[in-house]
Amino acid sequence: MIYSNSIALAIKFYRRQQNVPSLGWVLAVTGISGILETLPILLSLPLIRTLFLSSEHVALGTTKIELRNYVIALILLLLIRLIVGIYSQYINASTRIRLLADFREHSTASERAKMKTVFGKSVQSLNFLLVGWSQLLPGILFTLAGIALFPSFGFIILSILFLWLIPMRFLKKRQDESHEIVSELQASLEENATVTAQWRDARFKAAKLDSFNKNLREFIIVSTLIIGLFVAHASGISFAGNSLLVILMLLRGLQQLFTGYIMTQQVAALKGYLIEFQT
């Protein structure tokens, strides 16, 4: 499949480079950063509820925490998120800068002229890969946690999402095919100027499909949530207790999953450059 191949190619490209942090370490840092990006948002909701009720204790399920201690813990979590987020962003950017600098230093003028764009696009794919992973990992964790905490509603959401997979698979296939055509035309563009018009039209088509797919995120996720809430209400499912937090956990998890999916599309769009560099 184009996505798995593209991701495998991007990983292979990274592992072939010298003087870069280990891929495992980079994935760990970016994954943790993605998790910490969402946790403070979710954990602030019980605090807001407590303040509106003028209570002295924050309720997390059946656990009650003193308001002052909860606020201190939340602020500490925010500080940890800030530090990890800064480091994650830096390690991503600095790795790409180091790769581009090493390429300039250790390649001849003719190699730079020939491979500059190919190498630059390959490096760009790493950014999409890491950003995608930083969203995919927490997306999986929060979605599974939401389903585990509210199984009846989670099952409804999953059922609706499975129905969405039918048009999404069709759109994905069209996207894959259009990016494959662009990659093929890109390879012959330098040698045959007559394909420029075909390359331009193929790029336009791929760009339209990319734009359509990227902007489906809120429509699919929010419509799924609305339909799920309506079905649950019609089925008599109770939303008592802390289920609002669980619903928002599901919502956030699905958002991050879809963002990770969009980033895999970006990697797939650069597949031709990854193949060209490694051949």
Protein backbone atom coordinates (compact mmCIF):
# COMPACT_ATOMS: atom_id res chain seq x y z
CA MET A 1 0.00 0.00 0.00
CA ILE A 2 1.21 3.48 -0.81
CA TYR A 3 0.99 4.79 2.76
CA SER A 4 2.86 1.92 4.38
CA ASN A 5 5.44 1.97 1.60
CA SER A 6 5.89 5.71 1.91
CA ILE A 7 6.27 5.54 5.67
CA ALA A 8 8.71 2.64 5.34
CA LEU A 9 10.70 4.64 2.79
CA ALA A 10 10.79 7.69 5.08
CA ILE A 11 11.98 5.53 7.99
CA LYS A 12 14.61 3.91 5.77
CA PHE A 13 15.77 7.35 4.63
CA TYR A 14 16.15 8.49 8.25
CA ARG A 15 18.09 5.40 9.31
CA ARG A 16 20.56 5.84 6.46
CA GLN A 17 21.58 9.26 7.75
CA GLN A 18 24.54 9.93 10.02
CA ASN A 19 24.81 12.14 13.14
CA VAL A 20 21.09 12.12 13.92
CA PRO A 21 19.30 11.00 17.11
CA SER A 22 18.04 7.42 17.15
CA LEU A 23 14.64 7.07 15.54
CA GLY A 24 13.26 5.32 18.62
CA TRP A 25 14.20 8.27 20.85
CA VAL A 26 12.70 10.82 18.45
CA LEU A 27 9.45 8.84 18.17
CA ALA A 28 9.27 8.50 21.96
CA VAL A 29 9.72 12.24 22.52
CA THR A 30 7.24 13.29 19.84
CA GLY A 31 4.70 10.68 20.95
CA ILE A 32 4.85 11.78 24.60
CA SER A 33 4.59 15.40 23.48
CA GLY A 34 1.40 14.57 21.57
CA ILE A 35 -0.10 12.87 24.61
CA LEU A 36 0.77 15.81 26.87
CA GLU A 37 -0.74 18.18 24.31
CA THR A 38 -4.22 16.79 25.02
CA LEU A 39 -4.07 15.79 28.70
CA PRO A 40 -4.17 19.34 30.19
CA ILE A 41 -7.15 20.21 27.97
CA LEU A 42 -9.12 17.20 29.16
CA LEU A 43 -8.09 17.56 32.80
CA SER A 44 -9.11 21.23 32.87
CA LEU A 45 -12.75 20.27 32.25
CA PRO A 46 -13.37 18.74 35.71
CA LEU A 47 -11.76 21.86 37.19
CA ILE A 48 -14.16 24.13 35.28
CA ARG A 49 -17.09 21.99 36.43
CA THR A 50 -15.88 22.20 40.06
CA LEU A 51 -15.57 26.00 39.91
CA PHE A 52 -19.05 26.37 38.42
CA LEU A 53 -20.47 24.20 41.23
CA SER A 54 -18.43 26.14 43.84
CA SER A 55 -17.09 22.86 45.19
CA GLU A 56 -13.88 22.35 47.14
CA HIS A 57 -13.11 19.01 45.51
CA VAL A 58 -12.54 17.96 41.90
CA ALA A 59 -14.26 14.72 40.95
CA LEU A 60 -12.46 12.32 38.61
CA GLY A 61 -14.83 9.42 38.38
CA THR A 62 -15.22 8.13 41.91
CA THR A 63 -12.03 9.87 43.07
CA LYS A 64 -12.23 13.28 44.71
CA ILE A 65 -9.16 15.55 44.83
CA GLU A 66 -8.81 18.74 46.84
CA LEU A 67 -9.17 21.77 44.58
CA ARG A 68 -5.84 23.37 45.53
CA ASN A 69 -3.88 20.14 45.00
CA TYR A 70 -5.60 19.58 41.65
CA VAL A 71 -4.70 23.08 40.44
CA ILE A 72 -1.07 22.64 41.49
CA ALA A 73 -0.86 19.26 39.74
CA LEU A 74 -2.44 20.69 36.58
CA ILE A 75 0.03 23.60 36.51
CA LEU A 76 2.94 21.16 36.94
CA LEU A 77 1.55 19.08 34.07
CA LEU A 78 1.40 22.22 31.93
CA LEU A 79 5.04 23.01 32.73
CA ILE A 80 6.06 19.46 31.82
CA ARG A 81 4.05 19.76 28.59
CA LEU A 82 5.81 23.05 27.80
CA ILE A 83 9.29 21.59 28.34
CA VAL A 84 8.60 18.37 26.41
CA GLY A 85 6.80 20.28 23.64
CA ILE A 86 9.71 22.69 23.18
CA TYR A 87 12.21 19.84 23.11
CA SER A 88 10.07 17.80 20.71
CA GLN A 89 9.73 20.72 18.29
CA TYR A 90 13.44 21.46 18.56
CA ILE A 91 14.60 17.88 18.02
CA ASN A 92 12.39 17.66 14.93
CA ALA A 93 13.62 20.94 13.44
CA SER A 94 17.28 20.52 14.43
CA THR A 95 17.41 17.04 12.90
CA ARG A 96 16.14 18.35 9.56
CA ILE A 97 18.54 21.32 9.70
CA ARG A 98 21.46 18.98 10.45
CA LEU A 99 20.56 16.72 7.53
CA LEU A 100 20.34 19.62 5.08
CA ALA A 101 23.63 21.10 6.35
CA ASP A 102 25.43 17.75 6.10
CA PHE A 103 24.13 17.29 2.56
CA ARG A 104 25.55 20.67 1.54
CA GLU A 105 28.89 20.00 3.23
CA HIS A 106 29.48 16.46 2.02
CA SER A 107 28.18 16.55 -1.55
CA THR A 108 29.75 17.89 -4.69
CA ALA A 109 28.32 20.82 -6.64
CA SER A 110 26.97 18.49 -9.31
CA GLU A 111 25.36 16.22 -6.70
CA ARG A 112 23.72 19.22 -5.03
CA ALA A 113 22.41 20.49 -8.36
CA LYS A 114 20.98 17.08 -9.21
CA MET A 115 19.64 15.96 -5.82
CA LYS A 116 18.90 19.20 -3.94
CA THR A 117 15.14 19.09 -4.46
CA VAL A 118 14.93 15.31 -4.02
CA PHE A 119 16.90 15.39 -0.76
CA GLY A 120 14.98 18.42 0.54
CA LYS A 121 11.63 16.76 -0.11
CA SER A 122 12.84 13.55 1.51
CA VAL A 123 13.82 15.53 4.61
CA GLN A 124 10.42 17.22 4.53
CA SER A 125 8.77 13.79 4.65
CA LEU A 126 10.44 13.24 8.04
CA ASN A 127 8.64 16.26 9.43
CA PHE A 128 5.29 14.91 8.25
CA LEU A 129 6.19 11.50 9.67
CA LEU A 130 7.03 12.83 13.13
CA VAL A 131 4.08 15.21 13.28
CA GLY A 132 1.80 12.37 12.20
CA TRP A 133 3.18 10.07 14.88
CA SER A 134 2.77 12.76 17.55
CA GLN A 135 -0.94 12.83 16.71
CA LEU A 136 -1.51 9.17 15.87
CA LEU A 137 -0.23 7.74 19.17
CA PRO A 138 -2.34 9.93 21.50
CA GLY A 139 -5.26 9.59 19.08
CA ILE A 140 -5.19 5.81 19.51
CA LEU A 141 -4.74 6.01 23.29
CA PHE A 142 -7.51 8.56 23.94
CA THR A 143 -9.95 6.90 21.56
CA LEU A 144 -9.40 3.49 23.19
CA ALA A 145 -9.63 5.06 26.67
CA GLY A 146 -12.91 6.76 25.77
CA ILE A 147 -14.35 3.52 24.43
CA ALA A 148 -13.22 1.59 27.52
CA LEU A 149 -14.75 4.16 29.89
CA PHE A 150 -18.04 4.46 27.99
CA PRO A 151 -18.38 1.19 25.98
CA SER A 152 -22.01 1.60 24.88
CA PHE A 153 -21.41 5.04 23.38
CA GLY A 154 -17.98 4.04 22.08
CA PHE A 155 -19.55 1.14 20.18
CA ILE A 156 -22.01 3.53 18.50
CA ILE A 157 -19.18 5.87 17.49
CA LEU A 158 -17.12 2.99 16.09
CA SER A 159 -20.12 1.71 14.10
CA ILE A 160 -20.61 5.12 12.49
CA LEU A 161 -16.88 5.42 11.74
CA PHE A 162 -16.88 2.03 10.04
CA LEU A 163 -19.59 3.35 7.71
CA TRP A 164 -17.38 6.36 6.95
CA LEU A 165 -14.58 4.00 5.89
CA ILE A 166 -16.42 3.15 2.67
CA PRO A 167 -16.26 6.64 1.06
CA MET A 168 -12.89 7.31 2.73
CA ARG A 169 -11.33 4.22 1.13
CA PHE A 170 -12.65 5.32 -2.27
CA LEU A 171 -11.23 8.82 -1.79
CA LYS A 172 -7.93 7.41 -0.55
CA LYS A 173 -7.66 5.20 -3.64
CA ARG A 174 -8.23 8.21 -5.90
CA GLN A 175 -5.61 10.18 -3.97
CA ASP A 176 -3.08 7.36 -4.19
CA GLU A 177 -3.58 7.04 -7.93
CA SER A 178 -3.23 10.78 -8.54
CA HIS A 179 -0.03 11.00 -6.46
CA GLU A 180 1.38 7.98 -8.29
CA ILE A 181 0.78 9.75 -11.61
CA VAL A 182 2.44 12.92 -10.31
CA SER A 183 5.47 10.88 -9.16
CA GLU A 184 5.78 9.18 -12.54
CA LEU A 185 5.56 12.48 -14.44
CA GLN A 186 7.94 14.14 -11.97
CA ALA A 187 10.61 11.55 -12.77
CA SER A 188 10.49 12.34 -16.51
CA LEU A 189 9.94 16.09 -16.18
CA GLU A 190 13.63 17.02 -16.43
CA GLU A 191 14.21 14.93 -19.55
CA ASN A 192 10.99 15.62 -21.41
CA ALA A 193 9.53 19.12 -21.26
CA THR A 194 6.46 18.04 -23.23
CA VAL A 195 5.01 16.38 -20.14
CA THR A 196 4.88 19.68 -18.23
CA ALA A 197 1.20 20.25 -19.07
CA GLN A 198 0.33 16.70 -17.98
CA TRP A 199 2.35 17.14 -14.78
CA ARG A 200 0.59 20.45 -14.06
CA ASP A 201 -2.88 18.95 -14.57
CA ALA A 202 -1.97 15.92 -12.44
CA ARG A 203 -0.72 18.20 -9.66
CA PHE A 204 -3.95 20.23 -9.81
CA LYS A 205 -6.02 17.07 -9.50
CA ALA A 206 -3.92 15.76 -6.60
CA ALA A 207 -4.12 19.16 -4.85
CA LYS A 208 -7.92 19.17 -5.15
CA LEU A 209 -8.17 15.70 -3.65
CA ASP A 210 -5.73 16.65 -0.87
CA SER A 211 -7.75 19.77 -0.01
CA PHE A 212 -10.99 17.82 0.00
CA ASN A 213 -9.59 15.10 2.25
CA LYS A 214 -7.92 17.47 4.71
CA ASN A 215 -11.08 19.48 5.24
CA LEU A 216 -13.20 16.41 5.88
CA ARG A 217 -11.81 16.06 9.41
CA GLU A 218 -14.21 18.32 11.32
CA PHE A 219 -17.17 17.30 9.17
CA ILE A 220 -16.64 13.57 9.74
CA ILE A 221 -15.74 13.79 13.43
CA VAL A 222 -18.39 16.30 14.53
CA SER A 223 -21.15 14.70 12.42
CA THR A 224 -20.17 11.32 13.87
CA LEU A 225 -20.43 12.77 17.38
CA ILE A 226 -23.81 14.40 16.68
CA ILE A 227 -25.28 11.25 15.13
CA GLY A 228 -23.79 9.15 17.94
CA LEU A 229 -25.35 11.38 20.60
CA PHE A 230 -28.73 11.24 18.86
CA VAL A 231 -28.61 7.43 18.53
CA ALA A 232 -27.51 7.04 22.16
CA HIS A 233 -30.29 9.34 23.35
CA ALA A 234 -32.86 7.46 21.26
CA SER A 235 -31.57 4.18 22.68
CA GLY A 236 -31.98 5.41 26.25
CA ILE A 237 -28.26 5.34 27.10
CA SER A 238 -27.55 7.32 30.27
CA PHE A 239 -25.02 10.17 30.15
CA ALA A 240 -24.88 10.63 33.91
CA GLY A 241 -21.66 11.08 35.87
CA ASN A 242 -18.42 12.06 34.11
CA SER A 243 -19.45 10.81 30.68
CA LEU A 244 -19.12 14.34 29.24
CA LEU A 245 -15.37 14.14 29.87
CA VAL A 246 -15.31 10.73 28.21
CA ILE A 247 -17.18 12.07 25.17
CA LEU A 248 -14.68 14.91 24.84
CA MET A 249 -11.86 12.38 25.22
CA LEU A 250 -13.33 10.43 22.32
CA LEU A 251 -13.74 13.61 20.29
CA ARG A 252 -10.16 14.69 20.88
CA GLY A 253 -8.83 11.20 20.20
CA LEU A 254 -10.66 11.04 16.87
CA GLN A 255 -9.35 14.50 15.92
CA GLN A 256 -5.78 13.42 16.56
CA LEU A 257 -6.28 10.14 14.70
CA PHE A 258 -7.53 12.02 11.65
CA THR A 259 -4.66 14.50 11.85
CA GLY A 260 -2.21 11.59 11.91
CA TYR A 261 -4.00 10.17 8.87
CA ILE A 262 -3.62 13.49 7.03
CA MET A 263 0.11 13.51 7.78
CA THR A 264 0.48 10.02 6.28
CA GLN A 265 -1.08 11.46 3.14
CA GLN A 266 1.58 14.15 3.09
CA VAL A 267 4.30 11.50 3.34
CA ALA A 268 2.61 9.55 0.55
CA ALA A 269 2.65 12.63 -1.67
CA LEU A 270 6.47 12.67 -1.39
CA LYS A 271 6.87 8.98 -2.19
CA GLY A 272 8.38 9.70 -5.62
CA TYR A 273 11.18 11.78 -4.09
CA LEU A 274 11.91 9.11 -1.46
CA ILE A 275 12.14 6.43 -4.15
CA GLU A 276 14.32 8.60 -6.38
CA PHE A 277 16.77 9.39 -3.58
CA GLN A 278 17.15 5.77 -2.51
CA THR A 279 17.59 4.30 -5.99
